[in-house]
Amino acid sequence: MATIKKAKIGRVENLAPGSTKDFQWNNPPQTTVLGYFAYADPPPSGQGPHGSSQGSVEVVRVIHTLIEYNYSGSTERVNIHVKNTGSSATAFDLYQSWIP
Protein backbone atom coordinates (compact mmCIF):
# COMPACT_ATOMS: atom_id res chain seq x y z
CA MET A 1 0.00 0.00 0.00
CA ALA A 2 1.36 3.41 -0.97
CA THR A 3 2.02 5.99 1.70
CA ILE A 4 0.90 9.55 1.10
CA LYS A 5 3.49 12.10 2.17
CA LYS A 6 3.20 15.86 2.70
CA ALA A 7 5.68 18.67 3.14
CA LYS A 8 5.47 22.39 3.74
CA ILE A 9 6.80 24.22 0.69
CA GLY A 10 6.17 27.84 1.66
CA ARG A 11 4.69 30.42 3.98
CA VAL A 12 3.13 33.83 3.42
CA GLU A 13 2.96 36.09 6.48
CA ASN A 14 0.21 38.53 5.46
CA LEU A 15 -2.49 38.23 2.82
CA ALA A 16 -5.16 40.94 2.73
CA PRO A 17 -8.86 40.03 2.43
CA GLY A 18 -9.82 39.30 -1.17
CA SER A 19 -6.17 39.28 -2.32
CA THR A 20 -4.48 36.47 -4.21
CA LYS A 21 -0.83 35.45 -3.78
CA ASP A 22 1.00 33.80 -6.66
CA PHE A 23 3.53 31.42 -5.12
CA GLN A 24 6.11 30.23 -7.67
CA TRP A 25 8.12 27.10 -7.00
CA ASN A 26 11.04 26.58 -9.40
CA ASN A 27 12.24 23.05 -10.18
CA PRO A 28 9.88 21.09 -7.88
CA PRO A 29 10.92 17.51 -7.07
CA GLN A 30 10.03 14.80 -9.57
CA THR A 31 7.28 12.92 -7.74
CA THR A 32 3.70 11.80 -8.22
CA VAL A 33 2.03 14.96 -6.92
CA LEU A 34 -1.46 14.53 -5.53
CA GLY A 35 -2.16 18.15 -4.80
CA TYR A 36 -1.34 21.46 -3.17
CA PHE A 37 -3.21 22.81 -0.16
CA ALA A 38 -3.03 25.81 2.14
CA TYR A 39 -3.69 26.15 5.88
CA ALA A 40 -4.76 29.56 7.18
CA ASP A 41 -2.79 30.81 10.18
CA PRO A 42 -4.53 33.98 11.42
CA PRO A 43 -2.77 36.25 13.91
CA PRO A 44 -3.92 35.89 17.53
CA SER A 45 -6.56 38.36 18.66
CA GLY A 46 -5.63 40.86 21.34
CA GLN A 47 -9.17 41.49 22.53
CA GLY A 48 -9.47 40.02 26.01
CA PRO A 49 -9.00 36.48 27.31
CA HIS A 50 -11.74 35.09 25.05
CA GLY A 51 -10.78 36.91 21.85
CA SER A 52 -10.76 35.04 18.58
CA SER A 53 -9.35 35.43 15.11
CA GLN A 54 -10.18 33.84 11.81
CA GLY A 55 -8.52 33.08 8.53
CA SER A 56 -9.80 31.51 5.34
CA VAL A 57 -7.73 30.68 2.26
CA GLU A 58 -8.39 28.78 -0.95
CA VAL A 59 -6.07 27.36 -3.62
CA VAL A 60 -7.75 28.77 -6.72
CA ARG A 61 -5.36 27.74 -9.49
CA VAL A 62 -2.29 25.57 -10.06
CA ILE A 63 -0.23 25.99 -13.24
CA HIS A 64 2.58 23.57 -14.08
CA THR A 65 5.10 24.65 -16.73
CA LEU A 66 7.69 22.32 -18.26
CA ILE A 67 10.27 23.70 -20.70
CA GLU A 68 12.34 21.16 -22.67
CA TYR A 69 15.66 22.30 -24.11
CA ASN A 70 17.38 20.31 -26.87
CA TYR A 71 20.85 20.36 -25.29
CA SER A 72 20.58 21.43 -21.66
CA GLY A 73 17.74 19.32 -20.23
CA SER A 74 14.49 20.69 -18.92
CA THR A 75 13.22 23.13 -16.32
CA GLU A 76 9.96 23.08 -14.43
CA ARG A 77 7.97 25.48 -12.31
CA VAL A 78 4.67 25.39 -10.50
CA ASN A 79 2.61 28.52 -9.87
CA ILE A 80 0.10 28.13 -7.04
CA HIS A 81 -2.47 30.90 -6.62
CA VAL A 82 -3.89 31.20 -3.08
CA LYS A 83 -6.77 33.58 -2.30
CA ASN A 84 -7.82 35.00 1.07
CA THR A 85 -11.57 34.32 1.10
CA GLY A 86 -12.08 35.72 4.59
CA SER A 87 -12.81 39.19 5.92
CA SER A 88 -9.49 39.81 7.67
CA ALA A 89 -5.79 39.52 6.85
CA THR A 90 -4.18 36.17 7.53
CA ALA A 91 -0.96 34.25 7.11
CA PHE A 92 -0.92 30.79 5.53
CA ASP A 93 1.28 27.75 5.08
CA LEU A 94 1.43 26.02 1.70
CA TYR A 95 1.86 22.23 1.39
CA GLN A 96 2.35 19.59 -1.28
CA SER A 97 1.18 16.00 -0.99
CA TRP A 98 2.64 13.16 -3.05
CA ILE A 99 3.20 9.44 -3.37
CA PRO A 100 6.93 8.54 -3.29
C-alpha atoms as a PDB file:
ATOM      1  CA  MET A   1       0.000   0.000   0.000  1.00  0.00           C
ATOM      2  CA  ALA A   2       1.361   3.410  -0.970  1.00  0.00           C
ATOM      3  CA  THR A   3       2.024   5.992   1.704  1.00  0.00           C
ATOM      4  CA  ILE A   4       0.895   9.550   1.103  1.00  0.00           C
ATOM      5  CA  LYS A   5       3.492  12.102   2.172  1.00  0.00           C
ATOM      6  CA  LYS A   6       3.198  15.858   2.702  1.00  0.00           C
ATOM      7  CA  ALA A   7       5.682  18.674   3.136  1.00  0.00           C
ATOM      8  CA  LYS A   8       5.475  22.392   3.744  1.00  0.00           C
ATOM      9  CA  ILE A   9       6.802  24.224   0.690  1.00  0.00           C
ATOM     10  CA  GLY A  10       6.173  27.843   1.655  1.00  0.00           C
ATOM     11  CA  ARG A  11       4.689  30.420   3.985  1.00  0.00           C
ATOM     12  CA  VAL A  12       3.134  33.830   3.417  1.00  0.00           C
ATOM     13  CA  GLU A  13       2.957  36.093   6.481  1.00  0.00           C
ATOM     14  CA  ASN A  14       0.212  38.528   5.460  1.00  0.00           C
ATOM     15  CA  LEU A  15      -2.488  38.229   2.816  1.00  0.00           C
ATOM     16  CA  ALA A  16      -5.159  40.939   2.735  1.00  0.00           C
ATOM     17  CA  PRO A  17      -8.860  40.033   2.434  1.00  0.00           C
ATOM     18  CA  GLY A  18      -9.815  39.296  -1.169  1.00  0.00           C
ATOM     19  CA  SER A  19      -6.170  39.283  -2.319  1.00  0.00           C
ATOM     20  CA  THR A  20      -4.477  36.474  -4.213  1.00  0.00           C
ATOM     21  CA  LYS A  21      -0.834  35.451  -3.775  1.00  0.00           C
ATOM     22  CA  ASP A  22       1.002  33.800  -6.657  1.00  0.00           C
ATOM     23  CA  PHE A  23       3.534  31.422  -5.121  1.00  0.00           C
ATOM     24  CA  GLN A  24       6.110  30.231  -7.667  1.00  0.00           C
ATOM     25  CA  TRP A  25       8.119  27.100  -6.996  1.00  0.00           C
ATOM     26  CA  ASN A  26      11.038  26.583  -9.396  1.00  0.00           C
ATOM     27  CA  ASN A  27      12.239  23.055 -10.177  1.00  0.00           C
ATOM     28  CA  PRO A  28       9.878  21.093  -7.884  1.00  0.00           C
ATOM     29  CA  PRO A  29      10.915  17.515  -7.070  1.00  0.00           C
ATOM     30  CA  GLN A  30      10.025  14.797  -9.573  1.00  0.00           C
ATOM     31  CA  THR A  31       7.281  12.915  -7.736  1.00  0.00           C
ATOM     32  CA  THR A  32       3.702  11.802  -8.224  1.00  0.00           C
ATOM     33  CA  VAL A  33       2.032  14.959  -6.915  1.00  0.00           C
ATOM     34  CA  LEU A  34      -1.465  14.529  -5.534  1.00  0.00           C
ATOM     35  CA  GLY A  35      -2.159  18.155  -4.802  1.00  0.00           C
ATOM     36  CA  TYR A  36      -1.343  21.458  -3.170  1.00  0.00           C
ATOM     37  CA  PHE A  37      -3.208  22.812  -0.160  1.00  0.00           C
ATOM     38  CA  ALA A  38      -3.028  25.815   2.141  1.00  0.00           C
ATOM     39  CA  TYR A  39      -3.695  26.152   5.878  1.00  0.00           C
ATOM     40  CA  ALA A  40      -4.761  29.557   7.180  1.00  0.00           C
ATOM     41  CA  ASP A  41      -2.789  30.813  10.176  1.00  0.00           C
ATOM     42  CA  PRO A  42      -4.534  33.982  11.425  1.00  0.00           C
ATOM     43  CA  PRO A  43      -2.772  36.248  13.914  1.00  0.00           C
ATOM     44  CA  PRO A  44      -3.919  35.895  17.528  1.00  0.00           C
ATOM     45  CA  SER A  45      -6.562  38.355  18.661  1.00  0.00           C
ATOM     46  CA  GLY A  46      -5.630  40.864  21.344  1.00  0.00           C
ATOM     47  CA  GLN A  47      -9.169  41.485  22.534  1.00  0.00           C
ATOM     48  CA  GLY A  48      -9.470  40.018  26.006  1.00  0.00           C
ATOM     49  CA  PRO A  49      -9.001  36.477  27.312  1.00  0.00           C
ATOM     50  CA  HIS A  50     -11.741  35.089  25.049  1.00  0.00           C
ATOM     51  CA  GLY A  51     -10.777  36.905  21.852  1.00  0.00           C
ATOM     52  CA  SER A  52     -10.761  35.037  18.581  1.00  0.00           C
ATOM     53  CA  SER A  53      -9.354  35.431  15.111  1.00  0.00           C
ATOM     54  CA  GLN A  54     -10.181  33.837  11.807  1.00  0.00           C
ATOM     55  CA  GLY A  55      -8.515  33.082   8.528  1.00  0.00           C
ATOM     56  CA  SER A  56      -9.796  31.512   5.343  1.00  0.00           C
ATOM     57  CA  VAL A  57      -7.731  30.678   2.262  1.00  0.00           C
ATOM     58  CA  GLU A  58      -8.387  28.776  -0.948  1.00  0.00           C
ATOM     59  CA  VAL A  59      -6.073  27.358  -3.624  1.00  0.00           C
ATOM     60  CA  VAL A  60      -7.749  28.771  -6.718  1.00  0.00           C
ATOM     61  CA  ARG A  61      -5.362  27.735  -9.491  1.00  0.00           C
ATOM     62  CA  VAL A  62      -2.288  25.573 -10.059  1.00  0.00           C
ATOM     63  CA  ILE A  63      -0.235  25.990 -13.237  1.00  0.00           C
ATOM     64  CA  HIS A  64       2.575  23.568 -14.079  1.00  0.00           C
ATOM     65  CA  THR A  65       5.096  24.650 -16.734  1.00  0.00           C
ATOM     66  CA  LEU A  66       7.691  22.324 -18.264  1.00  0.00           C
ATOM     67  CA  ILE A  67      10.267  23.698 -20.701  1.00  0.00           C
ATOM     68  CA  GLU A  68      12.338  21.165 -22.666  1.00  0.00           C
ATOM     69  CA  TYR A  69      15.662  22.297 -24.108  1.00  0.00           C
ATOM     70  CA  ASN A  70      17.384  20.310 -26.865  1.00  0.00           C
ATOM     71  CA  TYR A  71      20.854  20.365 -25.291  1.00  0.00           C
ATOM     72  CA  SER A  72      20.576  21.427 -21.661  1.00  0.00           C
ATOM     73  CA  GLY A  73      17.741  19.320 -20.233  1.00  0.00           C
ATOM     74  CA  SER A  74      14.493  20.693 -18.919  1.00  0.00           C
ATOM     75  CA  THR A  75      13.220  23.128 -16.317  1.00  0.00           C
ATOM     76  CA  GLU A  76       9.959  23.085 -14.425  1.00  0.00           C
ATOM     77  CA  ARG A  77       7.968  25.476 -12.311  1.00  0.00           C
ATOM     78  CA  VAL A  78       4.666  25.386 -10.505  1.00  0.00           C
ATOM     79  CA  ASN A  79       2.607  28.520  -9.874  1.00  0.00           C
ATOM     80  CA  ILE A  80       0.104  28.128  -7.043  1.00  0.00           C
ATOM     81  CA  HIS A  81      -2.467  30.902  -6.617  1.00  0.00           C
ATOM     82  CA  VAL A  82      -3.890  31.202  -3.079  1.00  0.00           C
ATOM     83  CA  LYS A  83      -6.774  33.582  -2.301  1.00  0.00           C
ATOM     84  CA  ASN A  84      -7.824  35.001   1.069  1.00  0.00           C
ATOM     85  CA  THR A  85     -11.573  34.322   1.095  1.00  0.00           C
ATOM     86  CA  GLY A  86     -12.083  35.720   4.592  1.00  0.00           C
ATOM     87  CA  SER A  87     -12.813  39.195   5.916  1.00  0.00           C
ATOM     88  CA  SER A  88      -9.485  39.807   7.673  1.00  0.00           C
ATOM     89  CA  ALA A  89      -5.794  39.522   6.846  1.00  0.00           C
ATOM     90  CA  THR A  90      -4.182  36.173   7.530  1.00  0.00           C
ATOM     91  CA  ALA A  91      -0.958  34.247   7.106  1.00  0.00           C
ATOM     92  CA  PHE A  92      -0.925  30.790   5.529  1.00  0.00           C
ATOM     93  CA  ASP A  93       1.284  27.745   5.080  1.00  0.00           C
ATOM     94  CA  LEU A  94       1.429  26.018   1.697  1.00  0.00           C
ATOM     95  CA  TYR A  95       1.855  22.229   1.389  1.00  0.00           C
ATOM     96  CA  GLN A  96       2.353  19.595  -1.281  1.00  0.00           C
ATOM     97  CA  SER A  97       1.181  15.998  -0.989  1.00  0.00           C
ATOM     98  CA  TRP A  98       2.635  13.163  -3.049  1.00  0.00           C
ATOM     99  CA  ILE A  99       3.204   9.443  -3.369  1.00  0.00           C
ATOM    100  CA  PRO A 100       6.930   8.544  -3.292  1.00  0.00           C
END
